[in-house]
């Protein structure tokens, strides 16, 4: 497994994200929930229950926010 150290900028953005945007425990729950629903969708041949869609959308939102902090791609600077 390759390990990289975060840049100071990424480290600062992560600290800010977890201190002001979402609690780390809630982020972990969102990641696990997204993984669970995606796995069920694959097992059930992409059948995702309607009641799970909103929660999955929320989880994807937080995953994208985290991705943007780690490696800004969508930001217009």
C-alpha atoms as a PDB file:
ATOM      1  CA  UNK A   1       0.000   0.000   0.000  1.00  0.00           C
ATOM      2  CA  UNK A   2       1.347   3.367  -1.007  1.00  0.00           C
ATOM      3  CA  UNK A   3       1.280   6.098   1.616  1.00  0.00           C
ATOM      4  CA  UNK A   4       1.420   9.787   0.874  1.00  0.00           C
ATOM      5  CA  UNK A   5       1.521  12.680   3.242  1.00  0.00           C
ATOM      6  CA  UNK A   6      -1.106  15.358   2.787  1.00  0.00           C
ATOM      7  CA  UNK A   7      -0.076  18.819   1.764  1.00  0.00           C
ATOM      8  CA  UNK A   8      -0.514  21.450   4.457  1.00  0.00           C
ATOM      9  CA  UNK A   9      -3.293  22.967   2.360  1.00  0.00           C
ATOM     10  CA  UNK A  10      -5.191  19.657   2.148  1.00  0.00           C
ATOM     11  CA  UNK A  11      -4.624  19.054   5.847  1.00  0.00           C
ATOM     12  CA  UNK A  12      -6.016  22.500   6.682  1.00  0.00           C
ATOM     13  CA  UNK A  13      -9.048  21.950   4.441  1.00  0.00           C
ATOM     14  CA  UNK A  14      -9.731  18.562   6.071  1.00  0.00           C
ATOM     15  CA  UNK A  15      -9.497  20.003   9.572  1.00  0.00           C
ATOM     16  CA  UNK A  16     -11.859  22.812   8.576  1.00  0.00           C
ATOM     17  CA  UNK A  17     -14.240  20.340   6.912  1.00  0.00           C
ATOM     18  CA  UNK A  18     -14.494  18.130   9.979  1.00  0.00           C
ATOM     19  CA  UNK A  19     -14.594  21.031  12.439  1.00  0.00           C
ATOM     20  CA  UNK A  20     -17.168  23.174  10.622  1.00  0.00           C
ATOM     21  CA  UNK A  21     -19.020  21.144   7.986  1.00  0.00           C
ATOM     22  CA  UNK A  22     -19.690  17.564   9.082  1.00  0.00           C
ATOM     23  CA  UNK A  23     -18.880  15.514  12.131  1.00  0.00           C
ATOM     24  CA  UNK A  24     -16.352  12.730  11.390  1.00  0.00           C
ATOM     25  CA  UNK A  25     -18.730  10.140  12.852  1.00  0.00           C
ATOM     26  CA  UNK A  26     -21.531  11.326  10.535  1.00  0.00           C
ATOM     27  CA  UNK A  27     -19.120  11.234   7.582  1.00  0.00           C
ATOM     28  CA  UNK A  28     -18.161   7.650   8.417  1.00  0.00           C
ATOM     29  CA  UNK A  29     -21.855   6.741   8.619  1.00  0.00           C
ATOM     30  CA  UNK A  30     -22.511   8.365   5.231  1.00  0.00           C
ATOM     31  CA  UNK A  31     -19.650   6.428   3.625  1.00  0.00           C
ATOM     32  CA  UNK A  32     -20.778   3.132   5.123  1.00  0.00           C
ATOM     33  CA  UNK A  33     -24.383   3.770   4.162  1.00  0.00           C
ATOM     34  CA  UNK A  34     -23.457   4.576   0.553  1.00  0.00           C
ATOM     35  CA  UNK A  35     -21.338   1.425   0.359  1.00  0.00           C
ATOM     36  CA  UNK A  36     -24.169  -0.663   1.810  1.00  0.00           C
ATOM     37  CA  UNK A  37     -26.773   0.643  -0.637  1.00  0.00           C
ATOM     38  CA  UNK A  38     -24.432   0.317  -3.612  1.00  0.00           C
ATOM     39  CA  UNK A  39     -23.602  -3.264  -2.649  1.00  0.00           C
ATOM     40  CA  UNK A  40     -27.281  -4.107  -2.294  1.00  0.00           C
ATOM     41  CA  UNK A  41     -27.971  -2.492  -5.662  1.00  0.00           C
ATOM     42  CA  UNK A  42     -25.362  -4.669  -7.325  1.00  0.00           C
ATOM     43  CA  UNK A  43     -26.540  -7.800  -5.553  1.00  0.00           C
ATOM     44  CA  UNK A  44     -30.126  -7.044  -6.491  1.00  0.00           C
ATOM     45  CA  UNK A  45     -29.160  -6.071 -10.038  1.00  0.00           C
ATOM     46  CA  UNK A  46     -29.320  -2.302  -9.473  1.00  0.00           C
ATOM     47  CA  UNK A  47     -32.597  -2.441  -7.587  1.00  0.00           C
ATOM     48  CA  UNK A  48     -32.496   0.403  -5.065  1.00  0.00           C
ATOM     49  CA  UNK A  49     -35.495   1.002  -2.896  1.00  0.00           C
ATOM     50  CA  UNK A  50     -37.122   4.418  -3.300  1.00  0.00           C
ATOM     51  CA  UNK A  51     -36.816   5.146   0.409  1.00  0.00           C
ATOM     52  CA  UNK A  52     -33.029   4.756   0.158  1.00  0.00           C
ATOM     53  CA  UNK A  53     -32.507   7.184  -2.737  1.00  0.00           C
ATOM     54  CA  UNK A  54     -32.583  10.390  -0.680  1.00  0.00           C
ATOM     55  CA  UNK A  55     -30.184   8.963   1.865  1.00  0.00           C
ATOM     56  CA  UNK A  56     -27.869   7.740  -0.880  1.00  0.00           C
ATOM     57  CA  UNK A  57     -27.906  11.166  -2.517  1.00  0.00           C
ATOM     58  CA  UNK A  58     -26.877  12.706   0.799  1.00  0.00           C
ATOM     59  CA  UNK A  59     -24.065  10.192   1.209  1.00  0.00           C
ATOM     60  CA  UNK A  60     -22.794  10.896  -2.294  1.00  0.00           C
ATOM     61  CA  UNK A  61     -22.870  14.615  -1.568  1.00  0.00           C
ATOM     62  CA  UNK A  62     -20.574  14.158   1.433  1.00  0.00           C
ATOM     63  CA  UNK A  63     -18.265  11.817  -0.446  1.00  0.00           C
ATOM     64  CA  UNK A  64     -17.913  14.403  -3.208  1.00  0.00           C
ATOM     65  CA  UNK A  65     -17.263  17.143  -0.656  1.00  0.00           C
ATOM     66  CA  UNK A  66     -14.489  15.038   0.873  1.00  0.00           C
ATOM     67  CA  UNK A  67     -13.031  14.301  -2.556  1.00  0.00           C
ATOM     68  CA  UNK A  68     -12.969  18.016  -3.359  1.00  0.00           C
ATOM     69  CA  UNK A  69     -11.090  18.708  -0.135  1.00  0.00           C
ATOM     70  CA  UNK A  70      -8.510  16.038  -0.841  1.00  0.00           C
ATOM     71  CA  UNK A  71      -8.084  16.928  -4.509  1.00  0.00           C
ATOM     72  CA  UNK A  72      -9.960  20.035  -5.683  1.00  0.00           C
ATOM     73  CA  UNK A  73     -11.253  19.395  -9.165  1.00  0.00           C
ATOM     74  CA  UNK A  74     -14.554  21.179  -9.465  1.00  0.00           C
ATOM     75  CA  UNK A  75     -13.471  24.420  -7.789  1.00  0.00           C
ATOM     76  CA  UNK A  76     -13.038  27.414 -10.008  1.00  0.00           C
ATOM     77  CA  UNK A  77      -9.995  29.237  -8.771  1.00  0.00           C
END
